[in-house]
Amino acid sequence: MRSLPASAEVVLLRVCQEALANVRKHARAGQAWVRLAYGSESVRAAQPTRRGTG
């Protein structure tokens, strides 16, 4: 796996934390996960997937 600049890692961490916090707050999900997709020039965080209701 290739390395990312530290600033990009921090941004991805914060985006994923916020996405999962929103799932926790607004959905009654038993499980949730975020998929990261590495492109040749980018990294993309997909919408969180959840298992449960809401």
C-alpha atoms as a PDB file:
ATOM      1  CA  MET A   1       0.000   0.000   0.000  1.00  0.00           C
ATOM      2  CA  ARG A   2       1.360   3.422  -0.888  1.00  0.00           C
ATOM      3  CA  SER A   3       1.972   6.143   1.679  1.00  0.00           C
ATOM      4  CA  LEU A   4      -0.056   9.324   1.910  1.00  0.00           C
ATOM      5  CA  PRO A   5       1.120  12.692   3.177  1.00  0.00           C
ATOM      6  CA  ALA A   6       0.459  13.046   6.907  1.00  0.00           C
ATOM      7  CA  SER A   7      -1.977  15.915   6.273  1.00  0.00           C
ATOM      8  CA  ALA A   8      -4.042  13.705   3.931  1.00  0.00           C
ATOM      9  CA  GLU A   9      -4.113  10.902   6.508  1.00  0.00           C
ATOM     10  CA  VAL A  10      -5.441  13.311   9.140  1.00  0.00           C
ATOM     11  CA  VAL A  11      -8.153  14.590   6.782  1.00  0.00           C
ATOM     12  CA  LEU A  12      -9.242  11.033   5.890  1.00  0.00           C
ATOM     13  CA  LEU A  13      -9.333  10.084   9.563  1.00  0.00           C
ATOM     14  CA  ARG A  14     -11.508  13.078  10.440  1.00  0.00           C
ATOM     15  CA  VAL A  15     -13.873  12.477   7.486  1.00  0.00           C
ATOM     16  CA  CYS A  16     -14.309   8.825   8.465  1.00  0.00           C
ATOM     17  CA  GLN A  17     -14.794   9.702  12.140  1.00  0.00           C
ATOM     18  CA  GLU A  18     -17.499  12.226  11.260  1.00  0.00           C
ATOM     19  CA  ALA A  19     -19.238   9.795   8.889  1.00  0.00           C
ATOM     20  CA  LEU A  20     -19.337   7.065  11.525  1.00  0.00           C
ATOM     21  CA  ALA A  21     -20.426   9.523  14.230  1.00  0.00           C
ATOM     22  CA  ASN A  22     -23.350  10.523  11.982  1.00  0.00           C
ATOM     23  CA  VAL A  23     -24.309   6.875  11.500  1.00  0.00           C
ATOM     24  CA  ARG A  24     -24.229   6.391  15.257  1.00  0.00           C
ATOM     25  CA  LYS A  25     -26.314   9.509  15.866  1.00  0.00           C
ATOM     26  CA  HIS A  26     -28.938   9.065  13.135  1.00  0.00           C
ATOM     27  CA  ALA A  27     -29.217   5.313  12.541  1.00  0.00           C
ATOM     28  CA  ARG A  28     -29.785   2.363  14.799  1.00  0.00           C
ATOM     29  CA  ALA A  29     -27.080   0.323  13.133  1.00  0.00           C
ATOM     30  CA  GLY A  30     -25.377  -2.630  14.754  1.00  0.00           C
ATOM     31  CA  GLN A  31     -22.414  -2.338  12.393  1.00  0.00           C
ATOM     32  CA  ALA A  32     -21.025   0.350  10.107  1.00  0.00           C
ATOM     33  CA  TRP A  33     -17.966   0.689   7.910  1.00  0.00           C
ATOM     34  CA  VAL A  34     -16.404   3.147   5.479  1.00  0.00           C
ATOM     35  CA  ARG A  35     -14.696   2.059   2.268  1.00  0.00           C
ATOM     36  CA  LEU A  36     -11.589   3.904   1.073  1.00  0.00           C
ATOM     37  CA  ALA A  37     -10.839   3.721  -2.651  1.00  0.00           C
ATOM     38  CA  TYR A  38      -7.333   4.536  -3.858  1.00  0.00           C
ATOM     39  CA  GLY A  39      -7.092   5.939  -7.372  1.00  0.00           C
ATOM     40  CA  SER A  40      -3.922   6.792  -9.245  1.00  0.00           C
ATOM     41  CA  GLU A  41      -4.221  10.449  -8.198  1.00  0.00           C
ATOM     42  CA  SER A  42      -6.756  10.393  -5.376  1.00  0.00           C
ATOM     43  CA  VAL A  43      -8.245   8.648  -2.363  1.00  0.00           C
ATOM     44  CA  ARG A  44     -12.004   8.556  -1.971  1.00  0.00           C
ATOM     45  CA  ALA A  45     -14.031   7.754   1.128  1.00  0.00           C
ATOM     46  CA  ALA A  46     -17.350   6.206   0.129  1.00  0.00           C
ATOM     47  CA  GLN A  47     -20.582   6.808   2.003  1.00  0.00           C
ATOM     48  CA  PRO A  48     -20.690   4.674   5.152  1.00  0.00           C
ATOM     49  CA  THR A  49     -22.451   1.340   4.887  1.00  0.00           C
ATOM     50  CA  ARG A  50     -24.472   0.214   7.863  1.00  0.00           C
ATOM     51  CA  ARG A  51     -26.298  -2.870   8.982  1.00  0.00           C
ATOM     52  CA  GLY A  52     -29.384  -2.160  11.048  1.00  0.00           C
ATOM     53  CA  THR A  53     -32.360   0.181  10.906  1.00  0.00           C
ATOM     54  CA  GLY A  54     -32.639   3.882  10.141  1.00  0.00           C
END
